[in-house]
Protein backbone atom coordinates (compact mmCIF):
# COMPACT_ATOMS: atom_id res chain seq x y z
CA UNK A 1 -37.01 -56.23 -22.40
CA UNK A 2 -34.09 -54.72 -20.78
CA UNK A 3 -32.77 -52.07 -21.76
CA UNK A 4 -29.20 -51.67 -23.28
CA UNK A 5 -25.98 -50.82 -21.34
CA UNK A 6 -25.15 -46.92 -22.05
CA UNK A 7 -22.02 -47.79 -23.68
CA UNK A 8 -23.69 -50.19 -26.01
CA UNK A 9 -26.47 -47.61 -26.85
CA UNK A 10 -23.63 -45.11 -27.48
CA UNK A 11 -21.52 -47.57 -29.76
CA UNK A 12 -24.77 -47.74 -31.45
CA UNK A 13 -25.19 -44.21 -32.30
CA UNK A 14 -21.86 -43.87 -33.28
CA UNK A 15 -21.85 -46.83 -35.77
CA UNK A 16 -25.36 -45.40 -37.24
CA UNK A 17 -24.34 -41.74 -37.14
CA UNK A 18 -21.05 -43.44 -39.18
CA UNK A 19 -23.14 -45.27 -41.98
CA UNK A 20 -24.66 -41.58 -42.89
CA UNK A 21 -21.32 -39.37 -42.39
CA UNK A 22 -19.89 -37.50 -45.22
CA UNK A 23 -16.57 -36.56 -44.93
CA UNK A 24 -13.87 -34.45 -47.12
CA UNK A 25 -9.89 -34.33 -46.36
CA UNK A 26 -9.09 -31.17 -47.30
CA UNK A 27 -5.15 -31.26 -48.17
CA UNK A 28 -2.52 -33.62 -47.26
CA UNK A 29 -1.45 -35.44 -50.70
CA UNK A 30 1.86 -36.26 -50.86
CA UNK A 31 3.90 -34.49 -53.15
CA UNK A 32 3.51 -36.22 -56.83
CA UNK A 33 6.62 -36.69 -59.24
CA UNK A 34 5.96 -36.29 -62.75
CA UNK A 35 2.23 -34.91 -62.49
CA UNK A 36 0.25 -31.47 -62.28
CA UNK A 37 -1.63 -31.85 -58.66
CA UNK A 38 -4.43 -29.77 -60.91
CA UNK A 39 -5.40 -32.81 -62.63
CA UNK A 40 -7.07 -35.65 -61.21
CA UNK A 41 -5.26 -38.78 -60.50
CA UNK A 42 -5.69 -42.34 -59.09
CA UNK A 43 -6.20 -42.35 -55.19
CA UNK A 44 -3.84 -45.01 -55.48
CA UNK A 45 -1.00 -42.47 -56.91
CA UNK A 46 -1.72 -39.58 -54.54
CA UNK A 47 -2.70 -40.39 -50.87
CA UNK A 48 -0.07 -41.68 -49.23
CA UNK A 49 0.39 -43.19 -46.17
CA UNK A 50 -1.87 -41.17 -44.04
CA UNK A 51 -5.09 -40.50 -46.34
CA UNK A 52 -5.19 -44.41 -47.01
CA UNK A 53 -5.25 -44.71 -43.91
CA UNK A 54 -8.21 -42.70 -43.29
CA UNK A 55 -9.57 -44.26 -46.42
CA UNK A 56 -9.18 -47.49 -45.40
CA UNK A 57 -11.43 -46.56 -41.76
CA UNK A 58 -13.53 -45.42 -43.46
CA UNK A 59 -14.38 -48.26 -45.67
CA UNK A 60 -14.99 -50.34 -41.98
CA UNK A 61 -16.79 -47.58 -40.80
CA UNK A 62 -19.36 -47.13 -43.88
CA UNK A 63 -18.29 -43.46 -43.85
CA UNK A 64 -18.26 -41.52 -47.31
CA UNK A 65 -14.91 -39.92 -47.22
CA UNK A 66 -13.63 -37.70 -50.07
CA UNK A 67 -10.39 -35.86 -50.95
CA UNK A 68 -9.62 -32.80 -52.01
CA UNK A 69 -6.59 -30.09 -52.60
CA UNK A 70 -6.62 -26.29 -51.39
CA UNK A 71 -6.01 -25.21 -54.85
CA UNK A 72 -9.56 -26.08 -56.27
CA UNK A 73 -10.92 -23.94 -53.61
CA UNK A 74 -13.31 -21.39 -55.34
CA UNK A 75 -15.86 -18.90 -53.52
CA UNK A 76 -18.64 -16.67 -55.07
CA UNK A 77 -20.05 -14.00 -53.19
CA UNK A 78 -23.19 -12.18 -54.06
CA UNK A 79 -24.38 -14.96 -56.97
CA UNK A 80 -26.60 -16.94 -55.08
CA UNK A 81 -30.15 -17.68 -53.33
CA UNK A 82 -31.37 -13.46 -52.39
CA UNK A 83 -32.55 -14.81 -49.12
CA UNK A 84 -28.59 -15.17 -47.86
CA UNK A 85 -27.33 -11.81 -49.83
CA UNK A 86 -24.54 -11.88 -47.34
CA UNK A 87 -23.17 -15.45 -47.38
CA UNK A 88 -20.33 -16.57 -49.43
CA UNK A 89 -20.37 -20.50 -51.32
CA UNK A 90 -17.23 -22.77 -51.27
CA UNK A 91 -16.44 -25.13 -53.46
CA UNK A 92 -14.09 -27.84 -54.03
CA UNK A 93 -12.64 -30.18 -56.80
CA UNK A 94 -12.79 -33.74 -55.45
CA UNK A 95 -9.67 -36.12 -56.64
CA UNK A 96 -11.72 -39.62 -56.23
CA UNK A 97 -9.85 -41.24 -59.35
CA UNK A 98 -12.86 -41.40 -61.95
CA UNK A 99 -15.01 -38.67 -60.14
CA UNK A 100 -13.89 -35.62 -59.72
CA UNK A 101 -16.77 -33.11 -59.60
CA UNK A 102 -17.09 -30.00 -58.04
CA UNK A 103 -18.98 -29.61 -54.71
CA UNK A 104 -19.89 -27.45 -52.05
CA UNK A 105 -18.74 -27.73 -48.64
CA UNK A 106 -21.64 -27.65 -47.14
CA UNK A 107 -22.43 -30.85 -48.60
CA UNK A 108 -20.46 -32.06 -46.13
CA UNK A 109 -20.71 -33.65 -42.15
CA UNK A 110 -17.30 -32.82 -41.95
CA UNK A 111 -14.03 -31.51 -43.08
CA UNK A 112 -10.55 -32.46 -41.79
CA UNK A 113 -8.04 -29.73 -42.23
CA UNK A 114 -4.52 -31.46 -43.36
CA UNK A 115 -1.55 -30.20 -44.68
CA UNK A 116 -2.27 -27.24 -46.80
CA UNK A 117 0.70 -26.85 -49.79
CA UNK A 118 3.23 -24.12 -50.40
CA UNK A 119 2.21 -20.96 -52.08
CA UNK A 120 2.48 -17.11 -52.65
CA UNK A 121 1.44 -14.96 -49.69
CA UNK A 122 -1.84 -13.82 -51.84
CA UNK A 123 -2.73 -17.92 -52.14
CA UNK A 124 -2.36 -19.04 -48.56
CA UNK A 125 -4.31 -15.99 -47.61
CA UNK A 126 -7.14 -16.48 -49.75
CA UNK A 127 -7.20 -20.45 -48.71
CA UNK A 128 -7.61 -19.50 -44.96
CA UNK A 129 -10.09 -16.59 -45.45
CA UNK A 130 -11.98 -18.69 -46.95
CA UNK A 131 -11.66 -21.34 -44.36
CA UNK A 132 -12.36 -18.69 -42.14
CA UNK A 133 -15.72 -17.78 -43.58
CA UNK A 134 -16.75 -20.76 -43.91
CA UNK A 135 -16.68 -21.52 -40.17
CA UNK A 136 -17.91 -18.46 -39.87
CA UNK A 137 -21.27 -19.63 -41.66
CA UNK A 138 -21.15 -22.98 -40.29
CA UNK A 139 -21.07 -21.33 -36.45
CA UNK A 140 -25.00 -20.53 -37.53
CA UNK A 141 -25.68 -23.59 -39.73
CA UNK A 142 -23.78 -26.12 -38.17
CA UNK A 143 -24.25 -28.13 -40.78
CA UNK A 144 -20.31 -28.87 -41.78
CA UNK A 145 -17.88 -29.08 -38.73
CA UNK A 146 -13.95 -28.36 -39.27
CA UNK A 147 -11.66 -30.33 -37.83
CA UNK A 148 -9.44 -28.06 -37.25
CA UNK A 149 -10.51 -24.67 -38.04
CA UNK A 150 -8.47 -22.11 -39.39
CA UNK A 151 -7.77 -19.84 -36.29
CA UNK A 152 -6.90 -22.89 -34.23
CA UNK A 153 -4.17 -23.66 -37.46
CA UNK A 154 -2.84 -20.35 -37.60
CA UNK A 155 -1.87 -20.19 -33.81
CA UNK A 156 -0.15 -23.84 -33.90
CA UNK A 157 2.08 -23.42 -36.80
CA UNK A 158 3.06 -20.15 -35.57
CA UNK A 159 5.66 -21.06 -32.74
CA UNK A 160 6.42 -17.87 -31.28
CA UNK A 161 2.13 -17.51 -30.99
CA UNK A 162 2.08 -20.95 -29.37
CA UNK A 163 4.65 -20.02 -27.31
CA UNK A 164 3.21 -16.65 -25.83
CA UNK A 165 -0.30 -18.41 -25.66
CA UNK A 166 0.55 -21.22 -23.63
CA UNK A 167 2.64 -19.18 -21.17
CA UNK A 168 -0.28 -17.15 -20.99
CA UNK A 169 -1.99 -20.20 -19.64
CA UNK A 170 0.75 -20.81 -16.70
CA UNK A 171 2.80 -23.70 -18.87
CA UNK A 172 6.01 -23.87 -18.44
CA UNK A 173 8.42 -23.26 -21.81
CA UNK A 174 12.21 -22.79 -22.65
CA UNK A 175 13.28 -19.81 -22.40
CA UNK A 176 13.30 -18.32 -25.94
CA UNK A 177 13.73 -15.17 -28.05
CA UNK A 178 12.83 -13.88 -30.84
CA UNK A 179 14.67 -11.24 -32.72
CA UNK A 180 14.70 -9.69 -36.07
CA UNK A 181 18.21 -8.94 -36.60
CA UNK A 182 21.93 -10.44 -36.23
CA UNK A 183 23.39 -8.20 -33.65
CA UNK A 184 19.90 -9.44 -31.21
CA UNK A 185 19.95 -12.87 -32.06
CA UNK A 186 23.98 -12.53 -31.16
CA UNK A 187 22.83 -10.94 -27.41
CA UNK A 188 19.96 -13.68 -27.30
CA UNK A 189 22.61 -16.40 -27.60
CA UNK A 190 24.74 -15.15 -24.78
CA UNK A 191 21.98 -14.54 -22.38
CA UNK A 192 20.24 -18.22 -22.88
CA UNK A 193 23.43 -19.59 -22.30
CA UNK A 194 25.63 -19.95 -25.52
CA UNK A 195 23.89 -23.33 -26.35
CA UNK A 196 20.54 -22.57 -28.36
CA UNK A 197 18.31 -24.65 -30.61
CA UNK A 198 17.23 -22.35 -33.68
CA UNK A 199 14.39 -23.04 -35.38
CA UNK A 200 11.85 -21.71 -38.07
CA UNK A 201 9.09 -20.31 -37.19
CA UNK A 202 6.85 -21.96 -39.55
CA UNK A 203 7.51 -25.55 -40.33
CA UNK A 204 7.83 -29.29 -38.96
CA UNK A 205 9.49 -32.86 -38.89
CA UNK A 206 12.72 -31.50 -37.25
CA UNK A 207 13.31 -29.79 -40.73
CA UNK A 208 15.58 -26.39 -40.49
CA UNK A 209 16.53 -27.30 -36.28
CA UNK A 210 19.62 -26.70 -35.22
CA UNK A 211 21.40 -26.70 -32.20
CA UNK A 212 24.33 -23.76 -31.71
CA UNK A 213 26.68 -24.08 -29.36
CA UNK A 214 29.36 -22.14 -31.08
CA UNK A 215 30.39 -18.03 -31.49
CA UNK A 216 31.29 -18.22 -34.89
CA UNK A 217 28.29 -20.79 -35.61
CA UNK A 218 26.22 -18.66 -33.98
CA UNK A 219 27.16 -15.55 -36.08
CA UNK A 220 26.86 -17.47 -39.49
CA UNK A 221 23.74 -18.93 -38.79
CA UNK A 222 22.09 -15.46 -37.50
CA UNK A 223 23.80 -13.61 -40.85
CA UNK A 224 22.26 -16.28 -42.96
CA UNK A 225 18.65 -16.43 -41.66
CA UNK A 226 18.61 -12.17 -41.96
CA UNK A 227 19.61 -12.35 -45.45
CA UNK A 228 17.15 -14.65 -46.32
CA UNK A 229 14.39 -12.15 -44.57
CA UNK A 230 14.06 -14.68 -41.64
CA UNK A 231 12.98 -14.40 -37.93
CA UNK A 232 15.75 -15.27 -35.34
CA UNK A 233 13.80 -17.76 -33.11
CA UNK A 234 16.16 -18.62 -30.65
CA UNK A 235 16.01 -21.19 -27.63
CA UNK A 236 17.53 -22.33 -24.61
CA UNK A 237 18.67 -26.01 -25.02
CA UNK A 238 17.35 -28.24 -22.51
CA UNK A 239 19.27 -31.01 -21.89
CA UNK A 240 20.03 -34.58 -22.12
CA UNK A 241 18.51 -33.65 -25.94
CA UNK A 242 17.47 -37.07 -27.53
CA UNK A 243 14.15 -37.76 -26.13
CA UNK A 244 10.81 -35.82 -25.40
CA UNK A 245 7.22 -36.56 -24.69
CA UNK A 246 4.16 -36.47 -27.12
CA UNK A 247 0.97 -36.53 -25.82
CA UNK A 248 -1.44 -37.36 -29.02
CA UNK A 249 -5.08 -35.69 -28.76
CA UNK A 250 -7.57 -37.32 -30.57
CA UNK A 251 -11.52 -35.70 -29.52
CA UNK A 252 -11.61 -37.97 -26.20
CA UNK A 253 -8.93 -40.59 -26.80
CA UNK A 254 -5.39 -39.66 -25.73
CA UNK A 255 -1.83 -41.62 -25.82
CA UNK A 256 1.51 -40.69 -24.69
CA UNK A 257 4.34 -40.98 -26.46
CA UNK A 258 8.21 -41.07 -25.78
CA UNK A 259 10.22 -40.47 -28.61
CA UNK A 260 14.15 -41.26 -28.74
CA UNK A 261 17.05 -40.57 -30.75
CA UNK A 262 20.67 -42.28 -30.10
CA UNK A 263 22.15 -40.14 -33.17
CA UNK A 264 20.53 -36.63 -32.80
CA UNK A 265 18.86 -33.86 -30.41
CA UNK A 266 15.75 -34.22 -32.61
CA UNK A 267 13.42 -37.10 -32.04
CA UNK A 268 11.00 -36.59 -35.06
CA UNK A 269 10.38 -40.22 -36.53
CA UNK A 270 11.73 -38.65 -40.32
CA UNK A 271 14.95 -38.23 -38.53
CA UNK A 272 15.38 -41.57 -37.13
CA UNK A 273 13.82 -41.11 -33.68
CA UNK A 274 11.58 -44.34 -32.50
CA UNK A 275 8.64 -43.90 -30.17
CA UNK A 276 7.51 -45.97 -27.36
CA UNK A 277 4.19 -45.78 -25.98
CA UNK A 278 4.13 -45.39 -21.99
CA UNK A 279 1.50 -44.76 -19.06
CA UNK A 280 -0.44 -41.48 -19.19
CA UNK A 281 -0.28 -39.29 -16.51
CA UNK A 282 -3.43 -37.08 -15.53
CA UNK A 283 -1.39 -34.09 -14.96
CA UNK A 284 -0.16 -34.51 -18.79
CA UNK A 285 -3.08 -35.29 -20.29
CA UNK A 286 -4.62 -32.51 -18.51
CA UNK A 287 -1.81 -30.05 -19.55
CA UNK A 288 -2.78 -31.27 -23.01
CA UNK A 289 -6.17 -30.97 -23.25
CA UNK A 290 -6.28 -27.44 -21.54
CA UNK A 291 -3.86 -26.03 -24.12
CA UNK A 292 -6.09 -28.18 -26.99
CA UNK A 293 -8.94 -26.32 -25.59
CA UNK A 294 -7.66 -23.05 -25.25
CA UNK A 295 -6.36 -23.04 -29.00
CA UNK A 296 -9.98 -24.85 -30.54
CA UNK A 297 -8.22 -28.46 -31.55
CA UNK A 298 -9.91 -31.31 -31.75
CA UNK A 299 -6.90 -33.62 -33.17
CA UNK A 300 -3.17 -32.63 -31.84
CA UNK A 301 -0.06 -33.16 -31.11
CA UNK A 302 1.95 -31.50 -27.70
CA UNK A 303 5.11 -31.93 -27.57
CA UNK A 304 7.11 -31.24 -24.23
CA UNK A 305 10.62 -31.47 -23.25
CA UNK A 306 11.72 -33.50 -19.77
CA UNK A 307 14.16 -31.47 -18.18
CA UNK A 308 16.87 -33.04 -15.75
CA UNK A 309 14.90 -32.42 -12.86
CA UNK A 310 11.87 -33.82 -14.34
CA UNK A 311 9.66 -30.71 -15.19
CA UNK A 312 8.31 -30.72 -18.27
CA UNK A 313 8.16 -28.05 -21.02
CA UNK A 314 5.58 -27.08 -24.01
CA UNK A 315 7.68 -26.64 -27.31
CA UNK A 316 5.37 -27.11 -29.99
CA UNK A 317 1.78 -28.09 -30.37
CA UNK A 318 1.15 -29.31 -33.93
CA UNK A 319 -2.73 -28.64 -35.05
CA UNK A 320 -1.85 -30.92 -38.13
CA UNK A 321 -0.25 -34.17 -36.61
CA UNK A 322 0.97 -36.78 -38.42
CA UNK A 323 0.21 -40.48 -37.05
CA UNK A 324 2.84 -42.80 -38.60
CA UNK A 325 5.32 -42.87 -35.51
CA UNK A 326 2.44 -43.02 -32.92
CA UNK A 327 0.78 -45.96 -35.17
CA UNK A 328 3.46 -48.04 -34.76
CA UNK A 329 2.83 -48.43 -31.14
CA UNK A 330 -0.64 -47.71 -30.61
CA UNK A 331 -2.84 -50.46 -30.43
CA UNK A 332 -6.22 -49.32 -31.62
CA UNK A 333 -6.18 -47.51 -35.17
CA UNK A 334 -5.98 -43.64 -35.16
CA UNK A 335 -7.58 -43.17 -38.37
CA UNK A 336 -10.97 -44.99 -37.01
CA UNK A 337 -10.34 -42.67 -33.89
CA UNK A 338 -10.17 -39.72 -35.91
CA UNK A 339 -13.87 -40.14 -37.87
CA UNK A 340 -14.86 -41.05 -34.75
CA UNK A 341 -14.23 -37.28 -33.85
CA UNK A 342 -15.43 -35.92 -37.31
CA UNK A 343 -18.64 -37.60 -36.65
CA UNK A 344 -19.34 -36.66 -33.52
CA UNK A 345 -18.95 -32.92 -33.73
CA UNK A 346 -22.41 -33.16 -36.18
CA UNK A 347 -24.51 -35.59 -34.02
């Protein structure tokens, strides 16, 4: 009897593993209007586009998929099996419509971390500490994969930490200064050529990002930021503006997407940017993968600006990327590829 080609055997293995996988998606629900997030609601009312895509992909792949909010995380220490006195246990409450039972994170094959909702410093710190502890235990138990782990998310979500890290890898970035006073920000503004982009260190989708090329506006901007106890992240504007390159890494898959905006230097789809699939260049993928490997990311978007001389400069790494704009131009289902990453982590 002839043996299957390697790719057929691999496909059969993936299908078998997927049919036995149980995946938890943590966070990422759209904001609810007129309802309490603590009350379990029907999936149709709460999931939004990205989680609905994952749900549809799970149905196609026979993967059991569940959803929970970060607010439902609960942990206990020292109340379980005496054979593992040093281990804590983590539970979440699923919001699967009629089934909202609490379950241990250990019961899932993989956990996909999505956007964490706003909260107090204490709440955010606790949620991250719970995930850090869970990942530390999983490094020994190896029963549940976490994509992406909290250490990688903390690095990617911090724009200053991201640039400092990629610069150490020898990757080009725009000239940037991060300061904590209006006076220092004004000095940075002048030293960076009087044409800069000011960004919040945390945040995405272009929120709070503005181009400043006027001294009076710079003074007002930095005055406002310092009054809000914000850090001033000041980056040299890279012409021409209104265009960037996103390399979306999904496990073994990668997609190169050029984003353009005719009306704004920002290219975010949320602000009207348009996506175009472009042929992947080996150097783009190699650079993006080196960043993801260093950060510990399995699913990420690496964003670059292309200078007028053709040089690429990295501006951001997104460890919880949206893919709605990318899916409009990518033929394959990105949600299917994400599930493939989740189940393959525990093969």
